[in-house]
Amino acid sequence: MAATVQQILQNKGGSTHSVTPATTVLDALKLMAEFNVSAVLVTEGERLVGIFTERDYARKVVLKGLASKDTRVGDLMTQNILTVSPSHTIDDCMAIMTKNHIRHLPVVAQGKLAGIVSIGDAVKSVMEQQQATIDQLSSYIAGGMTT
């Protein structure tokens, strides 16, 4: 059975790192570095309005010659972001990420931000499922050989 977003959030926690649209790109990058994350959610109050990623920084700041300390996240963030619910499977998430060339999916439950799932989280989950299957099969085979 495929793991769900809820299971990933239970393992890693539902904490997210967010900034407002008025936050400077430099301050967003400092937050990302402090917590070793490659994306921050952009919120206004409790409302999710966008996401700002390392990819946004590289393509929208560096390549355009903008100054990180003078540019606001709200001017560059990705808007109209895709989200998932806790009941989505990891397979669903991987399909969405692959189809849309994205690496992060905010999780929304009952209209509120519940966490974020990254491509790394999804891959780790799949690897853990595969290892559990291998362990189960190995145990079954070993058990069958001794009886």
Protein backbone atom coordinates (compact mmCIF):
# COMPACT_ATOMS: atom_id res chain seq x y z
CA MET A 1 0.00 0.00 0.00
CA ALA A 2 1.36 3.41 -0.96
CA ALA A 3 2.35 5.78 1.80
CA THR A 4 0.33 8.95 2.23
CA VAL A 5 1.32 12.56 2.72
CA GLN A 6 -0.08 12.26 6.26
CA GLN A 7 2.42 9.50 7.04
CA ILE A 8 5.31 11.61 5.77
CA LEU A 9 4.19 14.58 7.85
CA GLN A 10 3.91 12.35 10.93
CA ASN A 11 7.53 11.25 10.42
CA LYS A 12 9.10 14.59 9.53
CA GLY A 13 6.69 16.94 11.24
CA GLY A 14 4.46 19.58 9.75
CA SER A 15 6.67 22.58 10.38
CA THR A 16 7.16 24.95 7.48
CA HIS A 17 9.24 28.05 6.97
CA SER A 18 7.47 31.05 5.57
CA VAL A 19 7.97 34.68 4.69
CA THR A 20 5.64 37.46 3.59
CA PRO A 21 5.55 38.96 0.10
CA ALA A 22 7.30 42.06 1.53
CA THR A 23 10.31 40.05 2.75
CA THR A 24 13.52 40.79 0.86
CA VAL A 25 15.01 38.02 -1.20
CA LEU A 26 18.16 38.28 0.92
CA ASP A 27 16.20 37.67 4.12
CA ALA A 28 14.38 34.73 2.53
CA LEU A 29 17.73 33.24 1.48
CA LYS A 30 19.09 33.69 5.01
CA LEU A 31 16.08 31.80 6.39
CA MET A 32 16.53 29.04 3.83
CA ALA A 33 20.22 28.73 4.73
CA GLU A 34 19.51 28.75 8.47
CA PHE A 35 17.11 25.81 8.19
CA ASN A 36 18.86 24.11 5.25
CA VAL A 37 15.76 24.18 3.05
CA SER A 38 15.51 24.99 -0.63
CA ALA A 39 12.11 26.70 -0.51
CA VAL A 40 10.02 28.94 1.72
CA LEU A 41 6.29 29.37 1.57
CA VAL A 42 4.94 32.87 1.12
CA THR A 43 2.00 33.71 3.34
CA GLU A 44 -0.24 36.61 4.16
CA GLY A 45 -1.60 35.89 7.60
CA GLU A 46 -2.64 32.24 7.42
CA ARG A 47 -3.26 32.37 3.68
CA LEU A 48 -0.76 30.68 1.36
CA VAL A 49 -0.03 33.04 -1.54
CA GLY A 50 3.09 31.56 -3.13
CA ILE A 51 6.40 29.78 -2.83
CA PHE A 52 9.95 31.06 -3.27
CA THR A 53 12.64 28.52 -4.17
CA GLU A 54 16.34 28.40 -4.93
CA ARG A 55 15.32 27.94 -8.56
CA ASP A 56 13.34 31.21 -8.41
CA TYR A 57 16.41 32.92 -6.99
CA ALA A 58 18.74 31.59 -9.67
CA ARG A 59 16.43 32.36 -12.59
CA LYS A 60 14.66 35.51 -11.45
CA VAL A 61 17.31 37.34 -9.44
CA VAL A 62 20.79 36.26 -10.47
CA LEU A 63 20.17 35.94 -14.21
CA LYS A 64 18.31 39.27 -14.31
CA GLY A 65 20.99 41.11 -12.35
CA LEU A 66 18.65 42.11 -9.52
CA ALA A 67 19.91 42.87 -6.01
CA SER A 68 18.77 40.43 -3.34
CA LYS A 69 18.64 43.10 -0.66
CA ASP A 70 16.40 45.38 -2.73
CA THR A 71 14.05 42.83 -4.31
CA ARG A 72 10.91 41.59 -2.57
CA VAL A 73 9.86 37.95 -2.55
CA GLY A 74 6.37 38.96 -3.64
CA ASP A 75 7.75 40.27 -6.92
CA LEU A 76 9.35 36.94 -7.80
CA MET A 77 7.47 34.18 -5.99
CA THR A 78 5.68 31.46 -7.86
CA GLN A 79 1.96 32.07 -7.49
CA ASN A 80 -0.96 29.74 -8.13
CA ILE A 81 0.97 26.89 -6.60
CA LEU A 82 -0.19 23.32 -6.60
CA THR A 83 -1.04 21.78 -3.24
CA VAL A 84 -1.92 18.34 -1.94
CA SER A 85 -3.97 17.08 0.99
CA PRO A 86 -2.79 14.69 3.71
CA SER A 87 -4.75 11.88 2.04
CA HIS A 88 -2.80 12.07 -1.24
CA THR A 89 -0.38 9.20 -1.79
CA ILE A 90 3.32 9.66 -2.35
CA ASP A 91 2.79 8.25 -5.83
CA ASP A 92 0.30 11.09 -6.44
CA CYS A 93 2.88 13.62 -5.26
CA MET A 94 5.64 12.22 -7.45
CA ALA A 95 3.34 12.27 -10.47
CA ILE A 96 2.36 15.90 -9.82
CA MET A 97 5.97 16.95 -9.26
CA THR A 98 7.20 15.16 -12.39
CA LYS A 99 4.42 16.44 -14.64
CA ASN A 100 4.82 20.04 -13.47
CA HIS A 101 8.62 20.11 -13.03
CA ILE A 102 8.39 21.16 -9.38
CA ARG A 103 10.14 19.95 -6.24
CA HIS A 104 7.84 21.09 -3.44
CA LEU A 105 4.16 20.60 -2.68
CA PRO A 106 2.54 22.48 0.19
CA VAL A 107 0.05 20.36 2.13
CA VAL A 108 -3.31 21.95 2.89
CA ALA A 109 -5.83 20.37 5.25
CA GLN A 110 -9.25 21.91 5.82
CA GLY A 111 -8.09 25.17 4.26
CA LYS A 112 -4.99 25.49 6.47
CA LEU A 113 -1.34 24.89 5.76
CA ALA A 114 -0.35 21.53 7.29
CA GLY A 115 3.20 21.13 5.99
CA ILE A 116 5.23 20.68 2.84
CA VAL A 117 6.43 17.62 0.94
CA SER A 118 9.61 17.80 -1.12
CA ILE A 119 10.81 15.49 -3.85
CA GLY A 120 13.42 14.29 -1.34
CA ASP A 121 10.68 13.35 1.12
CA ALA A 122 8.88 11.42 -1.62
CA VAL A 123 12.00 9.54 -2.74
CA LYS A 124 12.90 8.69 0.87
CA SER A 125 9.40 7.31 1.43
CA VAL A 126 9.56 5.13 -1.69
CA MET A 127 13.00 3.82 -0.68
CA GLU A 128 11.73 2.97 2.82
CA GLN A 129 8.76 1.11 1.32
CA GLN A 130 11.05 -0.84 -0.99
CA GLN A 131 13.38 -1.75 1.89
CA ALA A 132 10.43 -2.93 3.98
CA THR A 133 9.30 -5.14 1.09
CA ILE A 134 12.81 -6.54 0.68
CA ASP A 135 13.07 -7.23 4.41
CA GLN A 136 9.67 -8.93 4.41
CA LEU A 137 10.57 -11.11 1.42
CA SER A 138 13.97 -11.97 2.90
CA SER A 139 12.34 -12.99 6.15
CA TYR A 140 9.77 -15.07 4.29
CA ILE A 141 12.44 -16.80 2.18
CA ALA A 142 14.70 -17.42 5.17
CA GLY A 143 11.76 -18.77 7.14
CA GLY A 144 10.77 -21.05 4.30
CA MET A 145 14.28 -22.48 4.00
CA THR A 146 14.52 -23.52 7.64
CA THR A 147 11.24 -25.39 7.84
